[in-house]
């Protein structure tokens, strides 16, 4: 078996990369082929807000929404009428309400689970009853590739070439992953026509 190594660099701004060759390429069947990740870089822009947790309710009778927001959710003496404050020791969020303001988390697709509140209307300052889940249970980035066998995730076979934790750097910073020792997985075919790479978060 030859130990010759070839390095391919793929750059994309999409999480789903599909490359098609002009023709079906056949590898030498007398050789063994493996694939491994040498370097991975991505900006930490994981979206913890989606269509299932992005709702909050604001109600007003007169329809003057700008005036309502300015008066009810604005600030008095430099202090916001509605304020969220983090408690790092407890990993909880405190909701601070002033001037008879209230927050209604009891709406469909509410964002209540992220700061750790129940689905109800809050009329006074309250420490969240649950721990904050700002990451929205997203803690793993899996890199899938259709060319390999042997990858596992949660005890099930998956075409995963590499996994890495999320939030190793703050939001907006670049994640740079360079494995100290590359794990190589065998190719699943000697015929190559398409190369599919997909980045999934869990």
C-alpha atoms as a PDB file:
ATOM      1  CA  UNK A   1       0.000   0.000   0.000  1.00  0.00           C
ATOM      2  CA  UNK A   2       1.293   3.444  -0.956  1.00  0.00           C
ATOM      3  CA  UNK A   3       1.504   6.128   1.722  1.00  0.00           C
ATOM      4  CA  UNK A   4       1.269   8.955  -0.787  1.00  0.00           C
ATOM      5  CA  UNK A   5      -0.818  11.855   0.517  1.00  0.00           C
ATOM      6  CA  UNK A   6      -2.661  14.482  -1.505  1.00  0.00           C
ATOM      7  CA  UNK A   7      -4.072  17.669  -0.008  1.00  0.00           C
ATOM      8  CA  UNK A   8      -7.236  19.299  -1.373  1.00  0.00           C
ATOM      9  CA  UNK A   9      -8.398  22.748  -0.230  1.00  0.00           C
ATOM     10  CA  UNK A  10     -12.126  23.509  -0.480  1.00  0.00           C
ATOM     11  CA  UNK A  11     -13.423  26.993   0.318  1.00  0.00           C
ATOM     12  CA  UNK A  12     -17.096  27.928   0.421  1.00  0.00           C
ATOM     13  CA  UNK A  13     -19.534  30.319   2.110  1.00  0.00           C
ATOM     14  CA  UNK A  14     -22.226  27.640   2.258  1.00  0.00           C
ATOM     15  CA  UNK A  15     -22.785  24.830   4.756  1.00  0.00           C
ATOM     16  CA  UNK A  16     -23.734  22.383   1.989  1.00  0.00           C
ATOM     17  CA  UNK A  17     -21.024  21.905  -0.647  1.00  0.00           C
ATOM     18  CA  UNK A  18     -21.591  19.747  -3.731  1.00  0.00           C
ATOM     19  CA  UNK A  19     -18.833  19.231  -6.274  1.00  0.00           C
ATOM     20  CA  UNK A  20     -19.398  17.319  -9.513  1.00  0.00           C
ATOM     21  CA  UNK A  21     -16.557  16.007 -11.641  1.00  0.00           C
ATOM     22  CA  UNK A  22     -16.748  16.209 -15.426  1.00  0.00           C
ATOM     23  CA  UNK A  23     -16.578  12.445 -15.559  1.00  0.00           C
ATOM     24  CA  UNK A  24     -16.702   9.485 -13.199  1.00  0.00           C
ATOM     25  CA  UNK A  25     -13.193   8.945 -11.904  1.00  0.00           C
ATOM     26  CA  UNK A  26     -12.083   5.379 -11.168  1.00  0.00           C
ATOM     27  CA  UNK A  27      -9.432   4.800  -8.532  1.00  0.00           C
ATOM     28  CA  UNK A  28      -6.835   2.055  -8.694  1.00  0.00           C
ATOM     29  CA  UNK A  29      -8.540  -0.998  -7.197  1.00  0.00           C
ATOM     30  CA  UNK A  30      -5.190  -2.425  -6.139  1.00  0.00           C
ATOM     31  CA  UNK A  31      -4.700   0.430  -3.701  1.00  0.00           C
ATOM     32  CA  UNK A  32      -6.411   1.380  -0.439  1.00  0.00           C
ATOM     33  CA  UNK A  33      -7.701   4.926  -0.061  1.00  0.00           C
ATOM     34  CA  UNK A  34      -8.540   6.947   3.029  1.00  0.00           C
ATOM     35  CA  UNK A  35      -9.813  10.451   3.655  1.00  0.00           C
ATOM     36  CA  UNK A  36      -9.102  12.735   6.614  1.00  0.00           C
ATOM     37  CA  UNK A  37      -9.564  16.342   7.695  1.00  0.00           C
ATOM     38  CA  UNK A  38      -6.347  18.344   8.094  1.00  0.00           C
ATOM     39  CA  UNK A  39      -7.724  21.834   8.715  1.00  0.00           C
ATOM     40  CA  UNK A  40     -11.128  23.459   9.218  1.00  0.00           C
ATOM     41  CA  UNK A  41     -12.041  27.095   9.748  1.00  0.00           C
ATOM     42  CA  UNK A  42     -15.415  28.809  10.077  1.00  0.00           C
ATOM     43  CA  UNK A  43     -16.843  31.912  11.717  1.00  0.00           C
ATOM     44  CA  UNK A  44     -18.881  31.192  14.833  1.00  0.00           C
ATOM     45  CA  UNK A  45     -22.172  32.537  13.522  1.00  0.00           C
ATOM     46  CA  UNK A  46     -24.408  29.705  14.730  1.00  0.00           C
ATOM     47  CA  UNK A  47     -27.981  30.906  14.797  1.00  0.00           C
ATOM     48  CA  UNK A  48     -29.618  30.130  18.098  1.00  0.00           C
ATOM     49  CA  UNK A  49     -32.763  31.985  17.019  1.00  0.00           C
ATOM     50  CA  UNK A  50     -35.024  30.378  14.414  1.00  0.00           C
ATOM     51  CA  UNK A  51     -38.666  30.355  13.351  1.00  0.00           C
ATOM     52  CA  UNK A  52     -39.570  28.117  16.284  1.00  0.00           C
ATOM     53  CA  UNK A  53     -38.329  30.411  19.057  1.00  0.00           C
ATOM     54  CA  UNK A  54     -38.402  34.002  17.809  1.00  0.00           C
ATOM     55  CA  UNK A  55     -41.737  35.368  19.030  1.00  0.00           C
ATOM     56  CA  UNK A  56     -42.502  37.924  21.713  1.00  0.00           C
ATOM     57  CA  UNK A  57     -45.821  39.703  22.194  1.00  0.00           C
ATOM     58  CA  UNK A  58     -46.341  43.456  22.380  1.00  0.00           C
ATOM     59  CA  UNK A  59     -49.911  44.718  22.490  1.00  0.00           C
ATOM     60  CA  UNK A  60     -51.292  48.240  22.274  1.00  0.00           C
ATOM     61  CA  UNK A  61     -54.795  49.532  21.689  1.00  0.00           C
ATOM     62  CA  UNK A  62     -54.143  52.747  19.829  1.00  0.00           C
ATOM     63  CA  UNK A  63     -51.815  51.340  17.174  1.00  0.00           C
ATOM     64  CA  UNK A  64     -49.125  53.943  17.827  1.00  0.00           C
ATOM     65  CA  UNK A  65     -46.472  51.263  18.120  1.00  0.00           C
ATOM     66  CA  UNK A  66     -43.473  53.603  18.034  1.00  0.00           C
ATOM     67  CA  UNK A  67     -44.865  55.787  20.802  1.00  0.00           C
ATOM     68  CA  UNK A  68     -45.878  52.710  22.784  1.00  0.00           C
ATOM     69  CA  UNK A  69     -42.403  51.200  22.568  1.00  0.00           C
ATOM     70  CA  UNK A  70     -40.781  54.488  23.482  1.00  0.00           C
ATOM     71  CA  UNK A  71     -42.928  54.914  26.573  1.00  0.00           C
ATOM     72  CA  UNK A  72     -43.385  51.311  27.723  1.00  0.00           C
ATOM     73  CA  UNK A  73     -40.109  49.670  26.728  1.00  0.00           C
ATOM     74  CA  UNK A  74     -37.965  52.765  26.699  1.00  0.00           C
ATOM     75  CA  UNK A  75     -35.958  54.162  29.562  1.00  0.00           C
ATOM     76  CA  UNK A  76     -36.470  56.463  32.514  1.00  0.00           C
ATOM     77  CA  UNK A  77     -33.555  58.177  34.229  1.00  0.00           C
ATOM     78  CA  UNK A  78     -31.164  56.163  32.085  1.00  0.00           C
ATOM     79  CA  UNK A  79     -32.632  52.796  33.120  1.00  0.00           C
ATOM     80  CA  UNK A  80     -34.449  50.558  30.647  1.00  0.00           C
ATOM     81  CA  UNK A  81     -38.003  49.646  31.562  1.00  0.00           C
ATOM     82  CA  UNK A  82     -37.439  46.079  30.340  1.00  0.00           C
ATOM     83  CA  UNK A  83     -34.002  44.644  31.016  1.00  0.00           C
ATOM     84  CA  UNK A  84     -32.340  41.214  31.054  1.00  0.00           C
ATOM     85  CA  UNK A  85     -29.406  40.729  33.404  1.00  0.00           C
ATOM     86  CA  UNK A  86     -27.161  37.663  33.510  1.00  0.00           C
ATOM     87  CA  UNK A  87     -26.115  35.807  36.656  1.00  0.00           C
ATOM     88  CA  UNK A  88     -22.985  33.879  35.700  1.00  0.00           C
ATOM     89  CA  UNK A  89     -22.781  31.984  38.995  1.00  0.00           C
ATOM     90  CA  UNK A  90     -26.258  30.510  38.563  1.00  0.00           C
ATOM     91  CA  UNK A  91     -26.209  30.495  34.750  1.00  0.00           C
ATOM     92  CA  UNK A  92     -29.586  32.206  34.895  1.00  0.00           C
ATOM     93  CA  UNK A  93     -31.136  35.369  33.504  1.00  0.00           C
ATOM     94  CA  UNK A  94     -32.970  37.949  35.584  1.00  0.00           C
ATOM     95  CA  UNK A  95     -35.843  39.855  34.001  1.00  0.00           C
ATOM     96  CA  UNK A  96     -36.068  43.396  35.383  1.00  0.00           C
ATOM     97  CA  UNK A  97     -39.337  45.280  34.840  1.00  0.00           C
ATOM     98  CA  UNK A  98     -39.970  48.927  35.689  1.00  0.00           C
ATOM     99  CA  UNK A  99     -42.927  51.329  35.378  1.00  0.00           C
ATOM    100  CA  UNK A 100     -45.620  48.617  35.211  1.00  0.00           C
ATOM    101  CA  UNK A 101     -44.101  46.953  32.148  1.00  0.00           C
ATOM    102  CA  UNK A 102     -44.753  43.297  31.422  1.00  0.00           C
ATOM    103  CA  UNK A 103     -43.353  40.609  29.136  1.00  0.00           C
ATOM    104  CA  UNK A 104     -45.568  37.958  27.549  1.00  0.00           C
ATOM    105  CA  UNK A 105     -43.727  34.711  26.802  1.00  0.00           C
ATOM    106  CA  UNK A 106     -47.021  32.812  26.437  1.00  0.00           C
ATOM    107  CA  UNK A 107     -47.101  32.993  22.641  1.00  0.00           C
ATOM    108  CA  UNK A 108     -46.570  30.405  19.931  1.00  0.00           C
ATOM    109  CA  UNK A 109     -42.899  29.854  19.046  1.00  0.00           C
ATOM    110  CA  UNK A 110     -41.851  31.905  22.054  1.00  0.00           C
ATOM    111  CA  UNK A 111     -38.182  32.597  22.748  1.00  0.00           C
ATOM    112  CA  UNK A 112     -38.743  31.853  26.459  1.00  0.00           C
ATOM    113  CA  UNK A 113     -36.515  28.754  26.533  1.00  0.00           C
ATOM    114  CA  UNK A 114     -33.358  30.663  25.571  1.00  0.00           C
ATOM    115  CA  UNK A 115     -33.309  32.920  28.664  1.00  0.00           C
ATOM    116  CA  UNK A 116     -34.907  30.153  30.783  1.00  0.00           C
ATOM    117  CA  UNK A 117     -38.396  31.498  31.467  1.00  0.00           C
ATOM    118  CA  UNK A 118     -41.747  29.706  31.508  1.00  0.00           C
ATOM    119  CA  UNK A 119     -44.435  30.362  28.900  1.00  0.00           C
ATOM    120  CA  UNK A 120     -46.461  32.938  30.800  1.00  0.00           C
ATOM    121  CA  UNK A 121     -46.895  36.665  31.327  1.00  0.00           C
ATOM    122  CA  UNK A 122     -44.375  38.258  33.704  1.00  0.00           C
ATOM    123  CA  UNK A 123     -45.524  41.412  35.469  1.00  0.00           C
ATOM    124  CA  UNK A 124     -42.687  41.860  37.954  1.00  0.00           C
ATOM    125  CA  UNK A 125     -38.933  41.413  38.079  1.00  0.00           C
ATOM    126  CA  UNK A 126     -38.124  37.699  38.184  1.00  0.00           C
ATOM    127  CA  UNK A 127     -35.099  35.414  38.214  1.00  0.00           C
ATOM    128  CA  UNK A 128     -35.615  32.786  35.513  1.00  0.00           C
ATOM    129  CA  UNK A 129     -36.734  29.452  37.016  1.00  0.00           C
ATOM    130  CA  UNK A 130     -34.554  27.527  34.560  1.00  0.00           C
ATOM    131  CA  UNK A 131     -30.948  27.801  33.468  1.00  0.00           C
ATOM    132  CA  UNK A 132     -30.307  29.876  30.377  1.00  0.00           C
ATOM    133  CA  UNK A 133     -29.957  27.940  27.141  1.00  0.00           C
ATOM    134  CA  UNK A 134     -28.489  30.634  24.936  1.00  0.00           C
ATOM    135  CA  UNK A 135     -26.769  28.037  22.740  1.00  0.00           C
ATOM    136  CA  UNK A 136     -30.215  26.453  22.097  1.00  0.00           C
ATOM    137  CA  UNK A 137     -28.720  22.970  22.744  1.00  0.00           C
ATOM    138  CA  UNK A 138     -26.288  23.418  19.869  1.00  0.00           C
ATOM    139  CA  UNK A 139     -22.916  22.096  20.988  1.00  0.00           C
ATOM    140  CA  UNK A 140     -21.416  20.032  18.146  1.00  0.00           C
ATOM    141  CA  UNK A 141     -20.384  20.748  14.563  1.00  0.00           C
ATOM    142  CA  UNK A 142     -20.320  17.625  12.386  1.00  0.00           C
ATOM    143  CA  UNK A 143     -18.633  17.601   8.985  1.00  0.00           C
ATOM    144  CA  UNK A 144     -20.203  15.021   6.674  1.00  0.00           C
ATOM    145  CA  UNK A 145     -18.664  13.631   3.484  1.00  0.00           C
ATOM    146  CA  UNK A 146     -20.355  11.188   1.101  1.00  0.00           C
ATOM    147  CA  UNK A 147     -17.066   9.477   0.208  1.00  0.00           C
ATOM    148  CA  UNK A 148     -16.276   7.785   3.506  1.00  0.00           C
ATOM    149  CA  UNK A 149     -17.339   4.891   5.700  1.00  0.00           C
ATOM    150  CA  UNK A 150     -16.677   4.331   9.372  1.00  0.00           C
ATOM    151  CA  UNK A 151     -17.934   7.537  10.968  1.00  0.00           C
ATOM    152  CA  UNK A 152     -20.186   7.390  14.038  1.00  0.00           C
ATOM    153  CA  UNK A 153     -22.419   9.861  15.883  1.00  0.00           C
ATOM    154  CA  UNK A 154     -24.402   8.903  19.002  1.00  0.00           C
ATOM    155  CA  UNK A 155     -23.564   5.228  18.384  1.00  0.00           C
ATOM    156  CA  UNK A 156     -25.034   5.303  14.868  1.00  0.00           C
ATOM    157  CA  UNK A 157     -23.091   5.038  11.636  1.00  0.00           C
ATOM    158  CA  UNK A 158     -22.841   8.382   9.896  1.00  0.00           C
ATOM    159  CA  UNK A 159     -20.682   9.697   7.083  1.00  0.00           C
ATOM    160  CA  UNK A 160     -18.962  12.083   9.476  1.00  0.00           C
ATOM    161  CA  UNK A 161     -15.353  12.846   8.753  1.00  0.00           C
ATOM    162  CA  UNK A 162     -14.852  15.119  11.767  1.00  0.00           C
ATOM    163  CA  UNK A 163     -16.671  16.535  14.808  1.00  0.00           C
ATOM    164  CA  UNK A 164     -15.765  19.530  16.937  1.00  0.00           C
ATOM    165  CA  UNK A 165     -17.383  21.479  19.781  1.00  0.00           C
ATOM    166  CA  UNK A 166     -19.109  24.792  19.226  1.00  0.00           C
ATOM    167  CA  UNK A 167     -18.695  27.955  21.276  1.00  0.00           C
ATOM    168  CA  UNK A 168     -14.968  27.426  21.812  1.00  0.00           C
ATOM    169  CA  UNK A 169     -14.719  31.069  20.766  1.00  0.00           C
ATOM    170  CA  UNK A 170     -17.227  33.915  21.208  1.00  0.00           C
ATOM    171  CA  UNK A 171     -19.950  34.578  18.642  1.00  0.00           C
ATOM    172  CA  UNK A 172     -18.510  36.315  15.578  1.00  0.00           C
ATOM    173  CA  UNK A 173     -14.975  34.986  16.074  1.00  0.00           C
ATOM    174  CA  UNK A 174     -13.315  32.459  13.809  1.00  0.00           C
ATOM    175  CA  UNK A 175     -13.160  28.800  14.840  1.00  0.00           C
ATOM    176  CA  UNK A 176      -9.873  27.269  13.691  1.00  0.00           C
ATOM    177  CA  UNK A 177      -9.537  23.507  13.992  1.00  0.00           C
ATOM    178  CA  UNK A 178      -6.294  21.743  13.122  1.00  0.00           C
ATOM    179  CA  UNK A 179      -6.283  18.172  14.473  1.00  0.00           C
ATOM    180  CA  UNK A 180      -3.075  17.202  16.232  1.00  0.00           C
ATOM    181  CA  UNK A 181      -3.406  13.756  14.670  1.00  0.00           C
ATOM    182  CA  UNK A 182      -5.552  13.259  11.576  1.00  0.00           C
ATOM    183  CA  UNK A 183      -8.076  10.426  11.664  1.00  0.00           C
ATOM    184  CA  UNK A 184      -8.343   8.738   8.278  1.00  0.00           C
ATOM    185  CA  UNK A 185     -11.468   6.842   7.224  1.00  0.00           C
ATOM    186  CA  UNK A 186     -11.715   4.434   4.252  1.00  0.00           C
ATOM    187  CA  UNK A 187     -13.399   5.501   1.031  1.00  0.00           C
ATOM    188  CA  UNK A 188     -16.654   3.701   0.268  1.00  0.00           C
ATOM    189  CA  UNK A 189     -16.159   3.397  -3.494  1.00  0.00           C
ATOM    190  CA  UNK A 190     -13.489   3.249  -6.173  1.00  0.00           C
ATOM    191  CA  UNK A 191     -15.739   5.293  -8.480  1.00  0.00           C
ATOM    192  CA  UNK A 192     -15.986   9.031  -7.764  1.00  0.00           C
ATOM    193  CA  UNK A 193     -18.374  11.337  -9.579  1.00  0.00           C
ATOM    194  CA  UNK A 194     -19.716  13.658  -6.883  1.00  0.00           C
ATOM    195  CA  UNK A 195     -18.131  15.018  -3.709  1.00  0.00           C
ATOM    196  CA  UNK A 196     -20.638  16.223  -1.115  1.00  0.00           C
ATOM    197  CA  UNK A 197     -19.562  18.009   2.052  1.00  0.00           C
ATOM    198  CA  UNK A 198     -22.108  19.165   4.606  1.00  0.00           C
ATOM    199  CA  UNK A 199     -21.682  21.007   7.889  1.00  0.00           C
ATOM    200  CA  UNK A 200     -24.389  20.209  10.439  1.00  0.00           C
ATOM    201  CA  UNK A 201     -24.852  21.514  13.966  1.00  0.00           C
ATOM    202  CA  UNK A 202     -26.351  19.526  16.850  1.00  0.00           C
END
